[in-house]
N, C-alpha and C. Protein backbone atom coordinates (compact mmCIF):
# COMPACT_ATOMS: atom_id res chain seq x y z
N UNK A 1 0.81 -1.20 0.01
CA UNK A 1 -0.03 -0.02 0.02
C UNK A 1 0.89 1.28 0.01
N UNK A 2 1.89 1.29 0.82
CA UNK A 2 2.78 2.41 0.90
C UNK A 2 3.50 2.67 -0.42
N UNK A 3 3.90 1.61 -1.13
CA UNK A 3 4.60 1.74 -2.40
C UNK A 3 3.70 2.43 -3.41
N UNK A 4 2.39 2.00 -3.48
CA UNK A 4 1.48 2.64 -4.41
C UNK A 4 1.34 4.12 -4.08
N UNK A 5 1.23 4.45 -2.80
CA UNK A 5 1.12 5.86 -2.45
C UNK A 5 2.28 6.65 -2.86
N UNK A 6 3.49 6.12 -2.67
CA UNK A 6 4.72 6.80 -3.12
C UNK A 6 4.79 6.98 -4.59
N UNK A 7 4.32 5.98 -5.32
CA UNK A 7 4.35 6.04 -6.77
C UNK A 7 3.36 7.13 -7.27
N UNK A 8 2.20 7.18 -6.63
CA UNK A 8 1.25 8.25 -7.02
C UNK A 8 1.83 9.62 -6.70
N UNK A 9 2.43 9.75 -5.56
CA UNK A 9 2.98 11.06 -5.14
C UNK A 9 4.17 11.46 -6.11
N UNK A 10 4.91 10.46 -6.52
CA UNK A 10 6.01 10.72 -7.47
C UNK A 10 5.44 11.19 -8.83
N UNK A 11 4.36 10.52 -9.24
CA UNK A 11 3.72 10.89 -10.52
C UNK A 11 3.14 12.33 -10.43
N UNK A 12 2.52 12.65 -9.35
CA UNK A 12 2.01 14.02 -9.15
C UNK A 12 3.17 15.02 -9.23
N UNK A 13 4.23 14.71 -8.53
CA UNK A 13 5.36 15.62 -8.48
C UNK A 13 5.98 15.82 -9.87
N UNK A 14 6.03 14.75 -10.61
CA UNK A 14 6.59 14.89 -12.00
C UNK A 14 5.72 15.83 -12.83
N UNK A 15 4.37 15.66 -12.70
CA UNK A 15 3.47 16.51 -13.44
C UNK A 15 3.66 17.95 -13.01
N UNK A 16 3.74 18.21 -11.71
CA UNK A 16 3.83 19.55 -11.22
C UNK A 16 5.22 20.19 -11.59
N UNK A 17 6.21 19.37 -11.78
CA UNK A 17 7.51 19.85 -12.14
C UNK A 17 7.61 20.17 -13.63
N UNK A 18 6.60 19.82 -14.37
CA UNK A 18 6.58 20.12 -15.81
C UNK A 18 6.40 21.61 -16.06
N UNK A 19 7.32 22.41 -15.60
CA UNK A 19 7.21 23.85 -15.74
C UNK A 19 7.16 24.19 -17.22
N UNK A 20 6.22 24.95 -17.60
CA UNK A 20 6.03 25.28 -18.99
C UNK A 20 5.20 24.26 -19.72
N UNK A 21 4.85 23.20 -19.04
CA UNK A 21 3.99 22.19 -19.65
C UNK A 21 2.55 22.61 -19.51
N UNK A 22 1.69 21.76 -20.07
CA UNK A 22 0.23 22.07 -20.05
C UNK A 22 -0.54 20.75 -20.03
N UNK A 23 -1.76 20.84 -19.54
CA UNK A 23 -2.68 19.68 -19.58
C UNK A 23 -3.84 20.06 -20.48
N UNK A 24 -3.97 19.30 -21.54
CA UNK A 24 -5.06 19.52 -22.48
C UNK A 24 -6.16 18.50 -22.28
N UNK A 25 -7.41 18.96 -22.37
CA UNK A 25 -8.54 18.13 -22.13
C UNK A 25 -9.43 18.08 -23.38
N UNK A 26 -10.13 16.95 -23.52
CA UNK A 26 -11.10 16.79 -24.60
C UNK A 26 -12.45 16.51 -23.93
N UNK A 27 -13.48 17.22 -24.38
CA UNK A 27 -14.82 17.03 -23.79
C UNK A 27 -15.72 16.26 -24.79
N UNK A 28 -16.69 15.54 -24.21
CA UNK A 28 -17.65 14.88 -25.07
C UNK A 28 -18.86 15.78 -25.38
N UNK A 29 -19.91 15.28 -26.01
CA UNK A 29 -21.07 16.04 -26.41
C UNK A 29 -21.76 16.68 -25.23
N UNK A 30 -21.74 16.03 -24.10
CA UNK A 30 -22.43 16.60 -22.93
C UNK A 30 -21.52 17.51 -22.10
N UNK A 31 -20.45 17.97 -22.70
CA UNK A 31 -19.50 18.93 -22.13
C UNK A 31 -18.78 18.40 -20.88
N UNK A 32 -18.68 17.07 -20.75
CA UNK A 32 -17.92 16.49 -19.65
C UNK A 32 -16.53 16.10 -20.16
N UNK A 33 -15.55 16.07 -19.29
CA UNK A 33 -14.20 15.72 -19.68
C UNK A 33 -14.14 14.26 -20.07
N UNK A 34 -13.72 13.96 -21.29
CA UNK A 34 -13.61 12.62 -21.84
C UNK A 34 -12.21 12.08 -21.69
N UNK A 35 -11.22 12.91 -22.00
CA UNK A 35 -9.83 12.46 -21.91
C UNK A 35 -8.92 13.63 -21.59
N UNK A 36 -7.76 13.31 -21.04
CA UNK A 36 -6.74 14.37 -20.74
C UNK A 36 -5.38 13.86 -21.16
N UNK A 37 -4.54 14.79 -21.45
CA UNK A 37 -3.14 14.46 -21.72
C UNK A 37 -2.26 15.62 -21.25
N UNK A 38 -1.12 15.21 -20.73
CA UNK A 38 -0.12 16.19 -20.20
C UNK A 38 1.02 16.30 -21.15
N UNK A 39 1.22 17.50 -21.66
CA UNK A 39 2.29 17.77 -22.61
C UNK A 39 3.38 18.63 -21.97
N UNK A 40 4.62 18.27 -22.18
CA UNK A 40 5.73 19.08 -21.70
C UNK A 40 5.98 20.29 -22.61
N UNK A 41 6.80 21.23 -22.19
CA UNK A 41 7.07 22.34 -23.04
C UNK A 41 7.74 21.92 -24.33
N UNK A 42 8.41 20.79 -24.36
CA UNK A 42 9.06 20.28 -25.53
C UNK A 42 8.13 19.51 -26.45
N UNK A 43 6.87 19.28 -26.06
CA UNK A 43 5.93 18.59 -26.86
C UNK A 43 5.82 17.09 -26.55
N UNK A 44 6.56 16.64 -25.54
CA UNK A 44 6.50 15.25 -25.14
C UNK A 44 5.24 14.99 -24.29
N UNK A 45 4.81 13.73 -24.21
CA UNK A 45 3.64 13.35 -23.45
C UNK A 45 4.02 12.48 -22.28
N UNK A 46 3.32 12.69 -21.14
CA UNK A 46 3.49 11.79 -19.98
C UNK A 46 2.59 10.65 -20.18
N UNK A 47 3.07 9.42 -20.31
CA UNK A 47 2.24 8.28 -20.57
C UNK A 47 1.37 7.86 -19.44
N UNK A 48 1.74 8.08 -18.18
CA UNK A 48 1.00 7.60 -17.04
C UNK A 48 -0.04 8.59 -16.56
N UNK A 49 -0.25 9.65 -17.26
CA UNK A 49 -1.20 10.72 -16.81
C UNK A 49 -2.60 10.29 -17.22
N UNK A 50 -3.48 10.29 -16.26
CA UNK A 50 -4.88 9.84 -16.54
C UNK A 50 -5.86 10.78 -15.88
N UNK A 51 -7.15 10.52 -16.15
CA UNK A 51 -8.23 11.40 -15.66
C UNK A 51 -8.27 11.44 -14.11
N UNK A 52 -7.95 10.34 -13.49
CA UNK A 52 -7.95 10.27 -12.02
C UNK A 52 -6.88 11.18 -11.45
N UNK A 53 -5.71 11.18 -11.99
CA UNK A 53 -4.61 12.07 -11.52
C UNK A 53 -4.93 13.53 -11.79
N UNK A 54 -5.52 13.80 -12.94
CA UNK A 54 -5.94 15.14 -13.27
C UNK A 54 -6.94 15.68 -12.27
N UNK A 55 -7.95 14.85 -11.96
CA UNK A 55 -8.95 15.31 -10.97
C UNK A 55 -8.35 15.53 -9.59
N UNK A 56 -7.37 14.71 -9.26
CA UNK A 56 -6.72 14.88 -7.93
C UNK A 56 -5.95 16.20 -7.88
N UNK A 57 -5.22 16.52 -8.99
CA UNK A 57 -4.48 17.76 -9.05
C UNK A 57 -5.37 18.95 -9.01
N UNK A 58 -6.53 18.83 -9.71
CA UNK A 58 -7.46 19.93 -9.75
C UNK A 58 -8.12 20.15 -8.39
N UNK A 59 -8.44 19.02 -7.69
CA UNK A 59 -9.00 19.10 -6.35
C UNK A 59 -8.08 19.77 -5.38
N UNK A 60 -6.78 19.54 -5.52
CA UNK A 60 -5.77 20.16 -4.65
C UNK A 60 -5.49 21.60 -5.11
N UNK A 61 -6.12 22.05 -6.15
CA UNK A 61 -5.90 23.39 -6.74
C UNK A 61 -4.41 23.55 -7.16
N UNK A 62 -3.81 22.49 -7.63
CA UNK A 62 -2.44 22.55 -8.13
C UNK A 62 -2.39 22.94 -9.58
N UNK A 63 -3.45 22.76 -10.32
CA UNK A 63 -3.56 23.18 -11.71
C UNK A 63 -4.82 23.94 -11.91
N UNK A 64 -4.83 24.83 -12.88
CA UNK A 64 -6.02 25.65 -13.23
C UNK A 64 -5.96 26.09 -14.64
N UNK A 65 -7.16 26.35 -15.19
CA UNK A 65 -7.25 26.88 -16.53
C UNK A 65 -7.73 28.31 -16.49
N UNK A 66 -7.20 29.15 -17.34
CA UNK A 66 -7.61 30.53 -17.38
C UNK A 66 -8.12 30.86 -18.79
N UNK A 67 -9.24 31.51 -18.89
CA UNK A 67 -9.83 31.94 -20.15
C UNK A 67 -10.04 30.80 -21.14
N UNK A 68 -10.35 29.62 -20.63
CA UNK A 68 -10.62 28.47 -21.52
C UNK A 68 -9.37 27.84 -22.12
N UNK A 69 -8.24 28.22 -21.66
CA UNK A 69 -6.95 27.70 -22.19
C UNK A 69 -6.64 26.38 -21.51
N UNK A 70 -5.45 25.82 -21.83
CA UNK A 70 -4.98 24.59 -21.20
C UNK A 70 -4.73 24.81 -19.71
N UNK A 71 -4.77 23.71 -18.99
CA UNK A 71 -4.51 23.71 -17.56
C UNK A 71 -3.00 23.88 -17.35
N UNK A 72 -2.61 24.78 -16.40
CA UNK A 72 -1.22 24.95 -16.09
C UNK A 72 -1.07 24.94 -14.56
N UNK A 73 0.19 24.81 -14.13
CA UNK A 73 0.46 24.76 -12.67
C UNK A 73 0.18 26.10 -12.02
N UNK A 74 -0.33 26.10 -10.84
CA UNK A 74 -0.67 27.32 -10.09
C UNK A 74 0.34 27.58 -9.03
N UNK A 75 0.25 28.70 -8.33
CA UNK A 75 1.16 28.99 -7.22
C UNK A 75 1.04 27.94 -6.14
N UNK A 76 -0.18 27.46 -5.96
CA UNK A 76 -0.41 26.41 -4.93
C UNK A 76 0.32 25.14 -5.41
N UNK A 77 0.34 24.85 -6.66
CA UNK A 77 1.06 23.70 -7.24
C UNK A 77 2.53 23.79 -6.94
N UNK A 78 3.12 24.96 -7.10
CA UNK A 78 4.52 25.12 -6.75
C UNK A 78 4.77 24.88 -5.26
N UNK A 79 3.88 25.31 -4.45
CA UNK A 79 4.02 25.10 -2.99
C UNK A 79 3.93 23.67 -2.62
N UNK A 80 3.18 22.87 -3.38
CA UNK A 80 3.03 21.44 -3.10
C UNK A 80 4.28 20.62 -3.49
N UNK A 81 5.12 21.20 -4.29
CA UNK A 81 6.32 20.43 -4.69
C UNK A 81 7.26 20.40 -3.49
N UNK A 82 7.58 19.17 -3.09
CA UNK A 82 8.49 19.02 -1.92
C UNK A 82 9.88 19.36 -2.38
N UNK A 83 10.66 19.95 -1.51
CA UNK A 83 12.05 20.26 -1.78
C UNK A 83 12.86 18.96 -1.68
N UNK A 84 13.43 18.55 -2.79
CA UNK A 84 14.28 17.36 -2.82
C UNK A 84 15.52 17.65 -3.60
N UNK A 85 16.56 16.90 -3.34
CA UNK A 85 17.83 17.14 -4.01
C UNK A 85 17.75 17.01 -5.53
N UNK A 86 16.96 16.08 -6.03
CA UNK A 86 16.91 15.87 -7.47
C UNK A 86 15.90 16.71 -8.21
N UNK A 87 15.27 17.66 -7.55
CA UNK A 87 14.28 18.59 -8.19
C UNK A 87 14.97 19.81 -8.73
N UNK A 88 15.85 19.61 -9.64
CA UNK A 88 16.63 20.74 -10.13
C UNK A 88 15.93 21.34 -11.37
């Protein structure tokens, strides 16, 4: 159980560290979120990013969208990043 928790936390941290990156969403006909993908500033995709992780980040107010644009990290998101040696 602890290993899964650490893996999730590591995944969240990687997403939050994607400075300059964005989260793009696709909505279905009923205007609900159908799929999400996280793109880095270089155009790469995070393969393990899913709707559950997106909702968790949004619930924590770590990412937000402004003026209908893609979701980006917020000030709160930067605060959530733990200080670690390898977070350069």
